[in-house]
N, C-alpha and C. Protein backbone atom coordinates (compact mmCIF):
# COMPACT_ATOMS: atom_id res chain seq x y z
N UNK A 1 118.89 57.73 142.10
CA UNK A 1 118.15 57.21 140.93
C UNK A 1 118.84 56.92 139.78
N UNK A 2 118.75 55.89 139.22
CA UNK A 2 119.70 55.31 138.16
C UNK A 2 118.80 55.47 136.81
N UNK A 3 118.83 56.67 136.27
CA UNK A 3 118.20 56.69 135.00
C UNK A 3 119.13 56.65 133.68
N UNK A 4 118.62 56.09 132.68
CA UNK A 4 119.46 55.67 131.56
C UNK A 4 118.99 56.76 130.63
N UNK A 5 119.80 57.50 129.88
CA UNK A 5 119.41 58.56 128.96
C UNK A 5 118.65 57.81 127.64
N UNK A 6 117.62 58.28 127.26
CA UNK A 6 116.93 57.84 126.15
C UNK A 6 117.73 58.02 124.92
N UNK A 7 117.60 57.08 123.83
CA UNK A 7 118.54 57.08 122.60
C UNK A 7 117.86 58.37 121.86
N UNK A 8 118.73 58.86 121.11
CA UNK A 8 118.11 60.06 120.18
C UNK A 8 117.25 59.65 119.21
N UNK A 9 116.24 60.17 118.88
CA UNK A 9 115.18 60.08 117.87
C UNK A 9 115.82 60.25 116.35
N UNK A 10 115.73 59.48 115.58
CA UNK A 10 116.24 59.67 114.22
C UNK A 10 115.33 60.49 113.45
N UNK A 11 115.66 61.55 112.92
CA UNK A 11 114.67 62.16 111.68
C UNK A 11 114.65 61.80 110.42
N UNK A 12 113.28 61.50 110.13
CA UNK A 12 113.19 60.75 108.71
C UNK A 12 113.40 61.91 107.60
N UNK A 13 113.94 61.40 106.58
CA UNK A 13 114.16 62.19 105.38
C UNK A 13 112.74 62.73 104.88
N UNK A 14 112.94 63.83 104.21
CA UNK A 14 111.72 64.45 103.63
C UNK A 14 111.44 63.63 102.31
N UNK A 15 110.02 63.63 102.23
CA UNK A 15 109.60 63.00 101.15
C UNK A 15 109.55 63.88 99.86
N UNK A 16 109.48 63.35 98.63
CA UNK A 16 109.46 64.19 97.29
C UNK A 16 110.64 64.92 96.95
N UNK A 17 111.77 64.54 97.37
CA UNK A 17 112.97 65.18 97.18
C UNK A 17 113.85 64.28 96.12
N UNK A 18 113.50 63.13 95.92
CA UNK A 18 114.35 62.43 94.95
C UNK A 18 114.01 62.18 93.69
N UNK A 19 114.33 61.26 93.01
CA UNK A 19 113.70 60.85 91.54
C UNK A 19 112.62 60.02 91.53
N UNK A 20 112.38 59.48 92.89
CA UNK A 20 111.26 58.33 92.93
C UNK A 20 109.95 58.92 93.41
N UNK A 21 109.79 60.55 93.45
CA UNK A 21 108.77 61.10 94.16
C UNK A 21 107.47 61.03 93.33
N UNK A 22 107.58 60.67 92.24
CA UNK A 22 106.34 60.50 91.28
C UNK A 22 105.90 59.03 91.34
N UNK A 23 106.63 57.83 91.86
CA UNK A 23 106.10 56.62 91.66
C UNK A 23 105.88 55.96 92.97
N UNK A 24 105.24 54.85 93.33
CA UNK A 24 104.87 54.26 94.24
C UNK A 24 106.15 53.48 94.99
N UNK A 25 106.07 53.30 96.20
CA UNK A 25 107.22 53.01 96.83
C UNK A 25 107.57 51.41 96.27
N UNK A 26 106.47 50.72 96.20
CA UNK A 26 106.77 49.26 95.73
C UNK A 26 107.43 49.21 94.09
N UNK A 27 107.09 50.12 93.45
CA UNK A 27 107.53 50.25 91.95
C UNK A 27 109.02 50.70 92.10
N UNK A 28 109.31 51.55 93.20
CA UNK A 28 110.65 52.07 93.35
C UNK A 28 111.64 51.10 93.76
N UNK A 29 111.15 50.07 94.64
CA UNK A 29 111.97 49.10 95.19
C UNK A 29 112.33 48.03 94.14
N UNK A 30 111.38 47.93 93.09
CA UNK A 30 111.64 47.04 92.04
C UNK A 30 112.49 47.67 90.89
N UNK A 31 112.54 48.87 90.82
CA UNK A 31 113.20 49.61 89.84
C UNK A 31 114.68 50.24 90.04
N UNK A 32 115.04 50.17 91.36
CA UNK A 32 116.54 50.66 91.82
C UNK A 32 116.81 51.74 91.28
N UNK A 33 117.93 52.23 90.85
CA UNK A 33 118.35 53.40 90.53
C UNK A 33 118.10 53.92 89.10
N UNK A 34 117.82 52.86 88.14
CA UNK A 34 117.82 53.22 86.74
C UNK A 34 116.69 54.18 86.50
N UNK A 35 117.06 55.01 85.40
CA UNK A 35 115.88 55.81 84.59
C UNK A 35 115.17 55.45 83.79
N UNK A 36 115.60 54.56 82.85
CA UNK A 36 115.14 54.00 81.60
C UNK A 36 115.21 52.63 81.50
N UNK A 37 114.33 51.96 81.00
CA UNK A 37 114.37 50.48 80.91
C UNK A 37 113.76 50.09 79.52
N UNK A 38 114.31 48.71 78.92
CA UNK A 38 114.03 48.44 77.90
C UNK A 38 112.55 47.54 78.10
N UNK A 39 111.91 47.06 76.82
CA UNK A 39 110.55 46.66 76.97
C UNK A 39 110.63 45.31 77.87
N UNK A 40 111.71 44.31 77.58
CA UNK A 40 111.95 43.08 78.23
C UNK A 40 112.05 43.42 79.67
N UNK A 41 112.69 44.10 80.22
CA UNK A 41 112.95 44.51 81.64
C UNK A 41 111.54 45.07 82.11
N UNK A 42 110.89 45.74 81.58
CA UNK A 42 109.65 46.27 82.05
C UNK A 42 108.52 45.04 82.02
N UNK A 43 108.57 44.21 81.10
CA UNK A 43 107.87 43.00 81.05
C UNK A 43 108.18 42.21 82.17
N UNK A 44 109.49 41.93 82.73
CA UNK A 44 109.68 41.07 83.85
C UNK A 44 109.25 41.89 85.08
N UNK A 45 109.19 43.23 85.17
CA UNK A 45 108.99 44.03 86.39
C UNK A 45 107.33 43.75 86.51
N UNK A 46 106.61 44.03 85.49
CA UNK A 46 105.15 44.24 85.37
C UNK A 46 104.61 42.90 85.41
N UNK A 47 105.23 41.75 84.96
CA UNK A 47 104.75 40.31 84.96
C UNK A 47 103.86 40.11 83.82
N UNK A 48 104.13 40.71 82.61
CA UNK A 48 103.46 40.36 81.59
C UNK A 48 104.39 40.21 80.32
N UNK A 49 103.85 39.57 79.33
CA UNK A 49 104.67 39.52 78.01
C UNK A 49 104.84 40.98 77.36
N UNK A 50 105.97 41.14 76.59
CA UNK A 50 106.36 42.43 75.73
C UNK A 50 105.07 42.83 74.68
N UNK A 51 104.64 41.81 74.28
CA UNK A 51 103.17 42.07 73.37
C UNK A 51 102.41 42.76 73.98
N UNK A 52 102.18 42.25 75.32
CA UNK A 52 100.88 42.92 76.06
C UNK A 52 101.28 44.40 76.24
N UNK A 53 102.50 44.75 76.57
CA UNK A 53 102.88 45.93 76.76
C UNK A 53 102.63 46.80 75.53
N UNK A 54 103.07 46.42 74.33
CA UNK A 54 102.75 47.02 72.99
C UNK A 54 101.40 47.21 72.79
N UNK A 55 100.42 46.09 73.18
CA UNK A 55 99.06 46.37 73.10
C UNK A 55 98.45 47.47 73.91
N UNK A 56 98.94 47.49 75.04
CA UNK A 56 98.47 48.50 76.09
C UNK A 56 98.93 49.81 75.66
N UNK A 57 100.02 50.04 74.94
CA UNK A 57 100.49 51.31 74.34
C UNK A 57 99.37 51.81 73.32
N UNK A 58 98.72 50.83 72.62
CA UNK A 58 97.71 51.35 71.56
C UNK A 58 96.47 51.70 72.19
N UNK A 59 96.04 51.10 73.47
CA UNK A 59 94.87 51.17 74.24
C UNK A 59 94.85 52.28 75.15
N UNK A 60 96.00 52.65 75.63
CA UNK A 60 96.11 53.69 76.72
C UNK A 60 96.77 54.92 76.25
N UNK A 61 96.37 55.91 75.66
CA UNK A 61 96.97 57.07 75.08
C UNK A 61 97.98 57.86 75.96
N UNK A 62 97.86 57.58 77.30
CA UNK A 62 98.58 58.03 78.36
C UNK A 62 99.92 57.59 78.37
N UNK A 63 100.01 56.38 77.86
CA UNK A 63 101.15 55.45 77.89
C UNK A 63 102.15 55.87 76.46
N UNK A 64 102.83 56.56 76.70
CA UNK A 64 103.90 56.95 75.33
C UNK A 64 105.33 56.65 75.84
N UNK A 65 105.94 55.36 75.84
CA UNK A 65 107.41 55.41 75.95
C UNK A 65 108.14 56.21 74.97
N UNK A 66 109.38 56.43 75.15
CA UNK A 66 110.13 56.95 74.29
C UNK A 66 110.74 55.89 73.58
N UNK A 67 111.37 56.45 72.43
CA UNK A 67 112.08 55.55 71.50
C UNK A 67 113.52 56.02 71.02
N UNK A 68 114.46 55.09 70.85
CA UNK A 68 115.76 55.21 70.74
C UNK A 68 115.77 55.60 69.13
N UNK A 69 117.05 55.99 68.51
CA UNK A 69 117.21 56.08 67.11
C UNK A 69 117.02 54.87 66.51
N UNK A 70 116.95 53.60 67.02
CA UNK A 70 116.96 52.41 66.49
C UNK A 70 115.23 51.98 66.71
N UNK A 71 114.57 52.82 67.09
CA UNK A 71 113.06 52.48 67.40
C UNK A 71 112.74 51.49 68.59
N UNK A 72 113.79 51.25 69.50
CA UNK A 72 113.70 50.61 70.58
C UNK A 72 112.67 51.21 71.51
N UNK A 73 111.84 50.74 72.28
CA UNK A 73 111.16 51.39 73.17
C UNK A 73 111.97 51.70 74.51
N UNK A 74 111.91 52.89 75.11
CA UNK A 74 112.71 53.22 76.30
C UNK A 74 111.43 53.55 77.22
N UNK A 75 111.21 52.86 78.30
CA UNK A 75 110.19 53.19 79.45
C UNK A 75 110.75 53.93 80.38
N UNK A 76 110.32 54.99 81.01
CA UNK A 76 110.72 55.83 82.12
C UNK A 76 110.04 55.22 83.20
N UNK A 77 110.53 55.73 84.47
CA UNK A 77 110.22 55.25 85.85
C UNK A 77 108.63 55.45 86.00
N UNK A 78 108.20 56.60 85.51
CA UNK A 78 106.66 56.75 85.48
C UNK A 78 105.71 55.78 84.49
N UNK A 79 106.39 55.59 83.63
CA UNK A 79 105.83 54.71 82.58
C UNK A 79 105.66 53.32 83.13
N UNK A 80 106.72 53.03 84.03
CA UNK A 80 106.49 51.49 84.64
C UNK A 80 105.53 51.47 85.64
N UNK A 81 105.40 52.54 86.40
CA UNK A 81 104.36 52.91 87.52
C UNK A 81 102.96 52.77 86.92
N UNK A 82 102.89 53.63 85.70
CA UNK A 82 101.46 53.33 85.06
C UNK A 82 101.18 52.17 84.64
N UNK A 83 102.06 51.40 84.20
CA UNK A 83 102.03 50.02 83.72
C UNK A 83 101.51 49.09 84.90
N UNK A 84 102.24 49.30 86.04
CA UNK A 84 101.88 48.53 87.11
C UNK A 84 100.26 48.91 87.61
N UNK A 85 99.86 50.35 87.38
CA UNK A 85 98.66 50.31 87.90
C UNK A 85 97.58 50.01 86.75
N UNK A 86 98.03 49.95 85.51
CA UNK A 86 97.20 49.44 84.34
C UNK A 86 96.78 47.73 84.81
N UNK A 87 97.98 47.30 84.89
CA UNK A 87 98.32 45.70 85.28
C UNK A 87 97.02 45.43 86.66
N UNK A 88 97.29 46.35 87.71
CA UNK A 88 96.37 46.13 88.71
C UNK A 88 94.91 46.37 88.47
N UNK A 89 94.67 47.07 87.67
CA UNK A 89 93.15 47.61 87.12
C UNK A 89 92.65 46.20 86.32
N UNK A 90 93.32 45.91 85.39
CA UNK A 90 92.93 45.01 84.43
C UNK A 90 92.91 43.46 84.98
N UNK A 91 93.83 43.15 85.75
CA UNK A 91 94.26 41.79 86.20
C UNK A 91 93.78 41.58 87.46
N UNK A 92 94.05 42.44 88.49
CA UNK A 92 93.47 42.17 89.84
C UNK A 92 92.11 42.76 90.18
N UNK A 93 91.74 43.90 89.74
CA UNK A 93 90.68 44.41 89.78
C UNK A 93 89.52 44.03 88.77
N UNK A 94 89.91 43.49 87.76
CA UNK A 94 89.05 42.90 86.84
C UNK A 94 88.33 44.28 85.90
N UNK A 95 89.14 45.23 85.96
CA UNK A 95 88.52 46.40 85.14
C UNK A 95 88.39 45.79 83.42
N UNK A 96 87.63 46.48 82.70
CA UNK A 96 87.66 46.21 81.28
C UNK A 96 88.64 47.24 80.94
N UNK A 97 89.17 47.25 79.49
CA UNK A 97 90.22 48.17 79.19
C UNK A 97 89.42 49.60 79.14
N UNK A 98 88.20 49.72 78.68
CA UNK A 98 87.49 51.02 78.68
C UNK A 98 87.26 51.47 80.19
N UNK A 99 87.06 50.62 81.11
CA UNK A 99 86.96 51.11 82.39
C UNK A 99 88.24 51.32 83.42
N UNK A 100 89.22 50.85 82.70
CA UNK A 100 90.57 51.14 83.04
C UNK A 100 91.03 52.54 82.74
N UNK A 101 90.62 52.68 81.36
CA UNK A 101 91.25 54.11 80.58
C UNK A 101 90.35 55.11 81.61
N UNK A 102 88.91 54.87 81.80
CA UNK A 102 87.97 55.88 82.30
C UNK A 102 88.73 56.21 83.79
N UNK A 103 89.02 55.06 84.43
CA UNK A 103 89.67 55.26 85.93
C UNK A 103 90.97 56.14 86.01
N UNK A 104 91.83 55.98 85.00
CA UNK A 104 92.94 56.48 84.83
C UNK A 104 92.85 57.86 84.49
N UNK A 105 91.79 58.24 83.59
CA UNK A 105 91.47 59.67 83.10
C UNK A 105 90.89 60.43 84.46
N UNK A 106 89.96 59.68 85.19
CA UNK A 106 89.47 60.31 86.59
C UNK A 106 90.51 60.73 87.40
N UNK A 107 91.60 59.77 87.60
CA UNK A 107 92.71 60.11 88.51
C UNK A 107 93.55 61.19 88.18
N UNK A 108 93.90 61.30 86.83
CA UNK A 108 94.86 62.30 86.27
C UNK A 108 93.97 63.56 86.31
N UNK A 109 92.73 63.59 85.87
CA UNK A 109 92.07 64.86 85.87
C UNK A 109 91.92 65.31 87.40
N UNK A 110 91.69 64.53 88.43
CA UNK A 110 91.83 64.97 89.91
C UNK A 110 93.29 65.50 90.34
N UNK A 111 94.12 65.01 89.78
CA UNK A 111 95.58 65.33 89.87
C UNK A 111 95.83 66.68 89.22
N UNK A 112 95.17 66.92 88.13
CA UNK A 112 95.47 67.92 87.53
C UNK A 112 94.44 69.21 87.73
N UNK A 113 93.64 69.09 88.68
CA UNK A 113 92.48 70.01 88.99
C UNK A 113 93.19 71.39 89.08
N UNK A 114 92.83 72.47 88.41
CA UNK A 114 93.38 73.80 88.89
C UNK A 114 93.44 74.31 90.15
N UNK A 115 94.50 74.80 90.51
CA UNK A 115 94.52 75.30 91.89
C UNK A 115 93.76 76.63 91.97
N UNK A 116 93.33 77.10 93.20
CA UNK A 116 92.65 78.40 93.22
C UNK A 116 93.36 79.55 92.88
N UNK A 117 94.72 79.51 93.00
CA UNK A 117 95.55 80.72 92.46
C UNK A 117 95.73 80.78 91.10
N UNK A 118 95.21 79.85 90.15
CA UNK A 118 95.38 79.95 88.83
C UNK A 118 94.67 81.02 88.19
N UNK A 119 93.46 81.51 88.78
CA UNK A 119 92.88 82.45 88.32
C UNK A 119 93.48 83.85 88.43
N UNK A 120 94.12 84.11 89.71
CA UNK A 120 94.84 85.39 89.99
C UNK A 120 96.11 85.24 89.10
N UNK A 121 97.02 84.14 88.93
CA UNK A 121 98.07 84.15 88.13
C UNK A 121 97.64 84.61 86.79
N UNK A 122 96.43 84.34 86.00
CA UNK A 122 96.10 84.64 84.99
C UNK A 122 95.87 86.10 84.70
N UNK A 123 95.28 86.64 85.85
CA UNK A 123 95.00 88.14 86.11
C UNK A 123 96.37 88.70 85.69
N UNK A 124 97.21 88.23 86.73
CA UNK A 124 98.65 89.02 87.02
C UNK A 124 99.42 88.91 85.51
N UNK A 125 99.41 87.73 84.77
CA UNK A 125 100.11 87.73 83.47
C UNK A 125 99.42 88.69 82.36
N UNK A 126 97.95 88.66 82.40
CA UNK A 126 97.46 89.59 81.35
C UNK A 126 97.73 91.17 81.97
N UNK A 127 97.90 91.24 83.07
CA UNK A 127 98.37 92.88 83.53
C UNK A 127 99.73 93.03 82.96
N UNK A 128 100.79 91.94 83.13
CA UNK A 128 101.84 92.17 82.79
C UNK A 128 102.19 92.14 81.20
N UNK A 129 101.40 91.38 80.56
CA UNK A 129 101.26 91.48 79.06
C UNK A 129 100.97 93.04 78.60
N UNK A 130 99.95 93.45 79.14
CA UNK A 130 99.40 94.71 78.75
C UNK A 130 100.63 95.96 79.09
N UNK A 131 101.29 95.66 80.15
CA UNK A 131 102.52 96.64 80.43
C UNK A 131 103.53 96.46 79.61
N UNK A 132 104.01 95.33 79.17
CA UNK A 132 104.91 94.99 78.07
C UNK A 132 104.67 95.71 76.69
N UNK A 133 103.16 95.48 76.50
CA UNK A 133 102.64 96.08 75.16
C UNK A 133 102.72 97.73 75.17
N UNK A 134 102.50 98.22 76.14
CA UNK A 134 102.34 99.66 76.38
C UNK A 134 103.85 100.22 76.33
N UNK A 135 104.91 99.42 76.60
CA UNK A 135 106.20 99.86 76.68
C UNK A 135 106.90 99.72 75.27
N UNK A 136 106.17 98.90 74.49
CA UNK A 136 106.95 98.70 73.19
C UNK A 136 106.31 99.63 72.16
């Protein structure tokens, strides 16, 4: 019998270990290795004019780009991902600004839902505070 050995199976890298773990794969491809972006770069990536980005900052409180000493906006990778979501909601899915705001709030509250262990951690913390207070 002439059997050929099977090629070794390549193991995939674990997800969530790099700086791109909080943004979508499509956005990561557009952004490359950079961590911060100027408003013109973000406008090109998102596909809107810079004044639209400034307007969205006023309408979506969750969007807060950093600013340099000279007051230039610096967007982080997660800001760019959020802007891509906002553009999708407003332009592609035809949400109103209020509807998009509500949708983003729902998504963030679902992501920030307290874990079941939170109650137990609070009890442990209270016990530790009582012990610390009794020692002082």
